[in-house]
Amino acid sequence: MSLLDIKNLSVRFGDVTAVPVVDGLDLSVAKGEVLAIVGESGSGKSVTMMALMGLIDAPGIVSADSLQFDGTDMLRLKGRQRRHIVGKDLSMIFQDPMTSLNPSFTVGYQIEEVLHQHMGLKGQAARQRALQLLDRVEIPAAASRLNAYPHQLSGGMSQRVAIAMAIAAEPKLLIADEPTTALDVTIQAQIMELLVGLQREQDMGLVLITHDLAVVAETAQRVCVMYAGQAVEIGHVPQLFDAPTHPYTEALLKAIPEHSQGQRRLTTLPGIVPGRYDRPQGCLLSPRCPYVQARCHQQRPPLDAHERGAARCFYPLNLTAEVA
């Protein structure tokens, strides 16, 4: 059984007739697996995971046929029941470390609060465990950082504190939403090495939301490519990188700067991701797709399984005629 199993997830803002920003998403994560979710800004990557965490407030509407985490239906949980899972077995690292920490409290207090809520630790026991966590995420002079406030830390240090809080209760699934966006290149590599090391050490599932395809190639076992709220391709690494089956995945890979060496201009995909009020009738990629055909403008393709994963395309690439 999968650790995480999402079936037909939709997220709308407004009412049930509003155009979904996440549209009929199916997704699964196994224990100990690293799944990367990639796509342009506005593709619904972060909203998907926020829906799982119960962080979509009104006027947001979340619906799904199944939103199962470790055998528990997350849609049926009420506040107190959800808090027993979220932050403990299911945890999330947010994009901006400088805003995910409370500026009014010390680093030590915030870590100890997590330990008290989910592990029942208090006093010296919580303090000692907080110190161990700071050591675990490789913060130098950890003891002196316990009494520091977030504004006294660098971006890299703040992200390490956020990671320490996220792993404090040893979660079964960790969601990392663009965990290196606000950091410089050298710190990015350190944070990713730290995350992957923790994932392997604890054998936890890891959902990595990122724009960095190089990081995906190095760390993930599977990839979900999202476009305009839909999963357009799901596949394994390295097969998806070697032979993408969806035109959008191919365009993302071609846009990697290294692939444009020797050319006057970087390779790009013309146009923009459609919004809520300008979605095409057929395939959502059809206005931008270099392989578009008449059928693509009229019908919206389903996510169909194939020999190496699944693709939402009537004319998938790099497949034999029998499979396509």
Protein backbone atom coordinates (compact mmCIF):
# COMPACT_ATOMS: atom_id res chain seq x y z
CA MET A 1 0.00 0.00 0.00
CA SER A 2 1.25 3.50 -0.85
CA LEU A 3 2.14 5.87 1.95
CA LEU A 4 0.27 8.63 0.10
CA ASP A 5 -2.55 7.96 -2.35
CA ILE A 6 -4.39 10.86 -4.00
CA LYS A 7 -7.25 10.21 -6.42
CA ASN A 8 -9.03 12.91 -8.46
CA LEU A 9 -7.96 15.84 -6.31
CA SER A 10 -9.48 19.20 -7.26
CA VAL A 11 -8.97 22.59 -5.62
CA ARG A 12 -11.21 25.56 -6.45
CA PHE A 13 -11.39 29.10 -5.16
CA GLY A 14 -14.88 30.60 -5.09
CA ASP A 15 -17.59 27.96 -5.47
CA VAL A 16 -18.02 24.50 -6.96
CA THR A 17 -18.56 26.00 -10.43
CA ALA A 18 -15.19 27.83 -10.41
CA VAL A 19 -12.43 26.64 -12.72
CA PRO A 20 -10.14 24.36 -10.65
CA VAL A 21 -6.55 25.40 -10.01
CA VAL A 22 -5.78 21.73 -9.36
CA ASP A 23 -7.76 19.56 -11.72
CA GLY A 24 -8.38 15.82 -11.22
CA LEU A 25 -4.90 14.99 -9.91
CA ASP A 26 -3.86 11.39 -9.19
CA LEU A 27 -0.64 10.92 -7.25
CA SER A 28 1.03 8.31 -5.05
CA VAL A 29 4.18 8.12 -2.93
CA ALA A 30 5.63 4.94 -1.47
CA LYS A 31 7.49 4.65 1.82
CA GLY A 32 11.10 5.73 1.36
CA GLU A 33 10.46 7.13 -2.14
CA VAL A 34 11.54 10.53 -3.43
CA LEU A 35 8.91 12.01 -5.77
CA ALA A 36 9.63 15.31 -7.51
CA ILE A 37 6.84 17.62 -8.70
CA VAL A 38 7.95 20.05 -11.40
CA GLY A 39 6.33 22.65 -13.64
CA GLU A 40 6.16 26.38 -14.25
CA SER A 41 4.93 28.78 -11.57
CA GLY A 42 1.14 28.62 -11.44
CA SER A 43 0.97 24.91 -12.28
CA GLY A 44 -0.62 23.98 -8.93
CA LYS A 45 2.36 22.24 -7.32
CA SER A 46 2.27 24.00 -3.95
CA VAL A 47 -1.53 24.15 -3.81
CA THR A 48 -1.68 20.37 -4.19
CA MET A 49 0.46 19.78 -1.12
CA MET A 50 -1.26 22.54 0.86
CA ALA A 51 -4.56 20.78 0.21
CA LEU A 52 -3.08 17.58 1.66
CA MET A 53 -1.86 19.48 4.72
CA GLY A 54 -5.28 21.10 5.26
CA LEU A 55 -3.95 24.60 4.62
CA ILE A 56 -6.52 25.68 2.01
CA ASP A 57 -8.82 28.15 3.73
CA ALA A 58 -12.10 29.63 2.48
CA PRO A 59 -12.98 30.47 -0.22
CA GLY A 60 -10.88 27.46 -1.24
CA ILE A 61 -12.76 24.18 -1.83
CA VAL A 62 -10.92 20.85 -1.76
CA SER A 63 -12.51 17.69 -3.13
CA ALA A 64 -11.15 14.25 -3.98
CA ASP A 65 -12.24 10.67 -4.46
CA SER A 66 -9.43 9.70 -2.10
CA LEU A 67 -6.87 11.64 -0.05
CA GLN A 68 -5.26 8.82 1.90
CA PHE A 69 -2.15 9.21 4.02
CA ASP A 70 -0.83 6.06 5.70
CA GLY A 71 -4.31 4.53 5.52
CA THR A 72 -6.10 7.60 6.94
CA ASP A 73 -8.61 9.62 4.92
CA MET A 74 -7.35 13.18 5.40
CA LEU A 75 -10.59 14.70 4.08
CA ARG A 76 -12.62 13.24 6.94
CA LEU A 77 -10.38 14.49 9.73
CA LYS A 78 -11.44 17.37 11.95
CA GLY A 79 -9.10 19.93 13.51
CA ARG A 80 -7.84 18.01 16.54
CA GLN A 81 -7.56 14.73 14.64
CA ARG A 82 -5.66 16.38 11.81
CA ARG A 83 -3.20 18.01 14.22
CA HIS A 84 -2.24 14.56 15.52
CA ILE A 85 -0.92 13.75 12.03
CA VAL A 86 0.13 17.06 10.45
CA GLY A 87 3.44 18.15 11.93
CA LYS A 88 4.15 14.65 13.22
CA ASP A 89 3.78 11.88 10.61
CA LEU A 90 3.22 14.38 7.80
CA SER A 91 5.38 17.48 7.71
CA MET A 92 6.23 20.30 5.32
CA ILE A 93 9.10 22.70 4.67
CA PHE A 94 7.89 25.94 3.09
CA GLN A 95 9.47 28.05 0.36
CA ASP A 96 10.75 31.03 2.31
CA PRO A 97 12.62 30.17 5.51
CA MET A 98 12.56 33.80 6.65
CA THR A 99 8.76 33.85 6.82
CA SER A 100 8.09 30.26 7.93
CA LEU A 101 9.62 30.98 11.35
CA ASN A 102 7.85 33.17 13.93
CA PRO A 103 9.96 36.31 14.46
CA SER A 104 8.63 36.78 17.99
CA PHE A 105 10.08 33.58 19.46
CA THR A 106 13.54 32.08 19.72
CA VAL A 107 14.63 29.15 17.59
CA GLY A 108 14.77 26.91 20.64
CA TYR A 109 11.24 27.80 21.74
CA GLN A 110 9.80 27.02 18.30
CA ILE A 111 11.49 23.62 18.06
CA GLU A 112 10.50 22.76 21.63
CA GLU A 113 6.89 23.68 20.85
CA VAL A 114 6.83 21.02 18.11
CA LEU A 115 8.39 18.48 20.49
CA HIS A 116 5.81 19.28 23.19
CA GLN A 117 2.85 19.09 20.81
CA HIS A 118 3.77 15.85 19.06
CA MET A 119 6.12 13.97 21.38
CA GLY A 120 5.08 15.21 24.83
CA LEU A 121 8.56 16.45 25.72
CA LYS A 122 8.93 19.31 28.20
CA GLY A 123 11.62 21.21 30.04
CA GLN A 124 15.17 19.92 29.88
CA ALA A 125 14.20 16.88 27.81
CA ALA A 126 12.74 19.10 25.09
CA ARG A 127 15.74 21.44 25.29
CA GLN A 128 18.20 18.58 24.88
CA ARG A 129 16.24 17.13 21.96
CA ALA A 130 16.11 20.57 20.27
CA LEU A 131 19.89 20.81 20.59
CA GLN A 132 20.27 17.35 19.04
CA LEU A 133 18.08 18.40 16.12
CA LEU A 134 20.16 21.52 15.45
CA ASP A 135 23.27 19.35 15.49
CA ARG A 136 21.57 16.92 13.13
CA VAL A 137 20.91 19.64 10.55
CA GLU A 138 24.56 20.70 10.88
CA ILE A 139 24.13 24.12 12.47
CA PRO A 140 27.49 25.19 13.93
CA ALA A 141 27.61 26.23 17.58
CA ALA A 142 24.12 24.78 17.96
CA ALA A 143 23.85 25.49 21.69
CA SER A 144 24.26 29.22 21.13
CA ARG A 145 21.59 29.22 18.39
CA LEU A 146 18.82 27.98 20.66
CA ASN A 147 18.35 31.46 22.13
CA ALA A 148 18.67 33.25 18.77
CA TYR A 149 15.71 34.89 17.04
CA PRO A 150 15.05 34.21 13.32
CA HIS A 151 16.24 37.70 12.28
CA GLN A 152 19.65 36.87 13.76
CA LEU A 153 20.11 33.93 11.37
CA SER A 154 21.12 33.83 7.71
CA GLY A 155 18.78 32.37 5.10
CA GLY A 156 20.67 29.08 5.09
CA MET A 157 20.59 28.84 8.88
CA SER A 158 16.87 29.66 8.93
CA GLN A 159 16.18 26.90 6.41
CA ARG A 160 18.13 24.43 8.53
CA VAL A 161 16.03 25.42 11.55
CA ALA A 162 12.85 24.92 9.48
CA ILE A 163 14.12 21.46 8.49
CA ALA A 164 14.88 20.66 12.14
CA MET A 165 11.30 21.57 13.07
CA ALA A 166 9.90 19.52 10.19
CA ILE A 167 11.81 16.36 11.15
CA ALA A 168 11.48 16.83 14.92
CA ALA A 169 8.79 14.16 15.27
CA GLU A 170 10.42 11.88 12.65
CA PRO A 171 7.70 12.12 9.99
CA LYS A 172 6.82 9.33 7.60
CA LEU A 173 6.39 11.81 4.74
CA LEU A 174 8.20 15.13 4.32
CA ILE A 175 7.10 17.71 1.76
CA ALA A 176 9.81 20.16 0.70
CA ASP A 177 8.35 23.10 -1.23
CA GLU A 178 11.16 24.82 -3.15
CA PRO A 179 13.47 24.40 -0.13
CA THR A 180 16.42 26.19 -1.77
CA THR A 181 14.70 29.05 -3.64
CA ALA A 182 15.87 31.91 -1.40
CA LEU A 183 19.42 30.60 -0.97
CA ASP A 184 22.65 31.08 -2.86
CA VAL A 185 24.08 28.27 -4.98
CA THR A 186 26.57 26.87 -2.49
CA ILE A 187 23.99 26.78 0.31
CA GLN A 188 21.44 25.18 -2.04
CA ALA A 189 23.72 22.20 -2.58
CA GLN A 190 24.29 21.81 1.16
CA ILE A 191 20.56 21.94 1.95
CA MET A 192 19.71 19.36 -0.72
CA GLU A 193 22.49 17.05 0.48
CA LEU A 194 21.14 17.41 4.01
CA LEU A 195 17.54 16.66 2.98
CA VAL A 196 18.44 13.59 0.95
CA GLY A 197 20.68 12.32 3.75
CA LEU A 198 17.87 12.68 6.30
CA GLN A 199 15.41 11.01 3.93
CA ARG A 200 17.64 7.97 3.53
CA GLU A 201 18.54 7.83 7.23
CA GLN A 202 14.89 7.81 8.34
CA ASP A 203 13.55 5.93 5.28
CA MET A 204 10.80 8.53 4.95
CA GLY A 205 8.93 9.50 1.83
CA LEU A 206 9.96 12.83 0.34
CA VAL A 207 7.92 15.02 -2.01
CA LEU A 208 10.22 17.59 -3.58
CA ILE A 209 8.56 20.57 -5.28
CA THR A 210 11.16 22.30 -7.43
CA HIS A 211 12.03 24.11 -10.65
CA ASP A 212 15.55 22.68 -10.64
CA LEU A 213 15.62 19.71 -13.00
CA ALA A 214 19.28 19.02 -12.16
CA VAL A 215 18.26 18.42 -8.53
CA VAL A 216 15.44 16.15 -9.72
CA ALA A 217 17.84 14.08 -11.85
CA GLU A 218 20.16 13.59 -8.88
CA THR A 219 17.68 12.91 -6.09
CA ALA A 220 14.26 11.65 -7.27
CA GLN A 221 13.08 8.18 -8.26
CA ARG A 222 9.91 9.42 -9.95
CA VAL A 223 8.71 12.72 -11.39
CA CYS A 224 5.25 14.25 -11.73
CA VAL A 225 5.18 17.04 -14.32
CA MET A 226 2.31 19.50 -13.76
CA TYR A 227 0.86 22.04 -16.15
CA ALA A 228 -2.10 24.36 -15.46
CA GLY A 229 -3.26 22.29 -12.51
CA GLN A 230 -3.03 18.91 -14.23
CA ALA A 231 -0.47 16.12 -14.10
CA VAL A 232 0.67 15.85 -17.73
CA GLU A 233 3.38 13.22 -17.28
CA ILE A 234 4.46 10.81 -14.55
CA GLY A 235 7.56 8.71 -15.02
CA HIS A 236 10.73 7.29 -13.57
CA VAL A 237 14.18 8.84 -13.49
CA PRO A 238 16.22 8.58 -15.70
CA GLN A 239 13.78 7.36 -18.38
CA LEU A 240 11.72 10.53 -18.26
CA PHE A 241 14.84 12.64 -18.83
CA ASP A 242 16.15 10.39 -21.61
CA ALA A 243 12.88 10.07 -23.52
CA PRO A 244 10.01 12.33 -22.35
CA THR A 245 6.59 11.35 -23.64
CA HIS A 246 4.75 14.66 -23.20
CA PRO A 247 5.61 17.77 -25.28
CA TYR A 248 5.62 19.95 -22.16
CA THR A 249 8.18 17.73 -20.44
CA GLU A 250 10.31 17.85 -23.58
CA ALA A 251 10.08 21.66 -23.59
CA LEU A 252 11.14 21.87 -19.92
CA LEU A 253 14.18 19.72 -20.60
CA LYS A 254 15.14 21.69 -23.70
CA ALA A 255 14.98 24.90 -21.66
CA ILE A 256 17.87 23.77 -19.43
CA PRO A 257 20.67 26.27 -20.24
CA GLU A 258 23.25 23.53 -20.81
CA HIS A 259 21.19 22.28 -23.75
CA SER A 260 21.53 25.64 -25.52
CA GLN A 261 25.31 25.86 -25.48
CA GLY A 262 26.62 27.28 -28.74
CA GLN A 263 23.27 28.85 -29.65
CA ARG A 264 22.58 32.57 -29.78
CA ARG A 265 19.43 32.28 -27.66
CA LEU A 266 18.16 29.94 -24.95
CA THR A 267 15.46 27.50 -26.01
CA THR A 268 12.04 28.60 -24.73
CA LEU A 269 8.39 27.56 -24.95
CA PRO A 270 6.35 30.49 -26.32
CA GLY A 271 3.28 31.69 -24.45
CA ILE A 272 2.22 31.40 -20.81
CA VAL A 273 0.37 28.97 -18.57
CA PRO A 274 -3.40 29.54 -19.04
CA GLY A 275 -5.19 31.13 -16.10
CA ARG A 276 -8.61 30.44 -14.63
CA TYR A 277 -10.47 32.47 -17.24
CA ASP A 278 -8.52 31.77 -20.44
CA ARG A 279 -8.30 27.99 -20.53
CA PRO A 280 -8.55 26.52 -24.04
CA GLN A 281 -11.35 24.14 -24.93
CA GLY A 282 -9.11 21.19 -25.73
CA CYS A 283 -5.68 20.24 -24.44
CA LEU A 284 -4.45 22.97 -22.09
CA LEU A 285 -1.06 22.98 -23.81
CA SER A 286 -2.50 23.23 -27.34
CA PRO A 287 -1.86 27.00 -27.83
CA ARG A 288 1.85 26.44 -27.09
CA CYS A 289 2.49 22.90 -28.32
CA PRO A 290 4.78 22.46 -31.37
CA TYR A 291 3.09 19.13 -32.19
CA VAL A 292 -0.53 20.34 -31.98
CA GLN A 293 -3.12 18.75 -34.27
CA ALA A 294 -6.80 19.48 -34.93
CA ARG A 295 -8.02 17.00 -32.32
CA CYS A 296 -5.97 18.75 -29.62
CA HIS A 297 -8.00 21.96 -30.01
CA GLN A 298 -11.32 20.14 -29.58
CA GLN A 299 -10.81 17.45 -26.94
CA ARG A 300 -9.04 17.34 -23.58
CA PRO A 301 -6.81 14.25 -23.32
CA PRO A 302 -6.89 11.94 -20.27
CA LEU A 303 -3.80 10.84 -18.36
CA ASP A 304 -3.16 7.47 -19.99
CA ALA A 305 -0.73 4.87 -18.71
CA HIS A 306 2.04 3.60 -20.97
CA GLU A 307 5.03 1.30 -20.62
CA ARG A 308 7.17 3.86 -18.76
CA GLY A 309 4.56 5.79 -16.77
CA ALA A 310 1.68 7.99 -17.93
CA ALA A 311 1.14 10.99 -20.21
CA ARG A 312 -1.79 13.35 -20.87
CA CYS A 313 -1.42 13.51 -24.64
CA PHE A 314 -3.19 12.10 -27.70
CA TYR A 315 0.14 11.82 -29.52
CA PRO A 316 2.80 10.93 -26.91
CA LEU A 317 6.43 11.15 -27.89
CA ASN A 318 9.10 8.46 -27.85
CA LEU A 319 6.69 5.53 -27.70
CA THR A 320 6.13 2.70 -30.13
CA ALA A 321 2.97 2.89 -32.23
CA GLU A 322 1.51 -0.11 -30.44
CA VAL A 323 1.91 1.49 -27.01
CA ALA A 324 0.89 4.99 -28.06
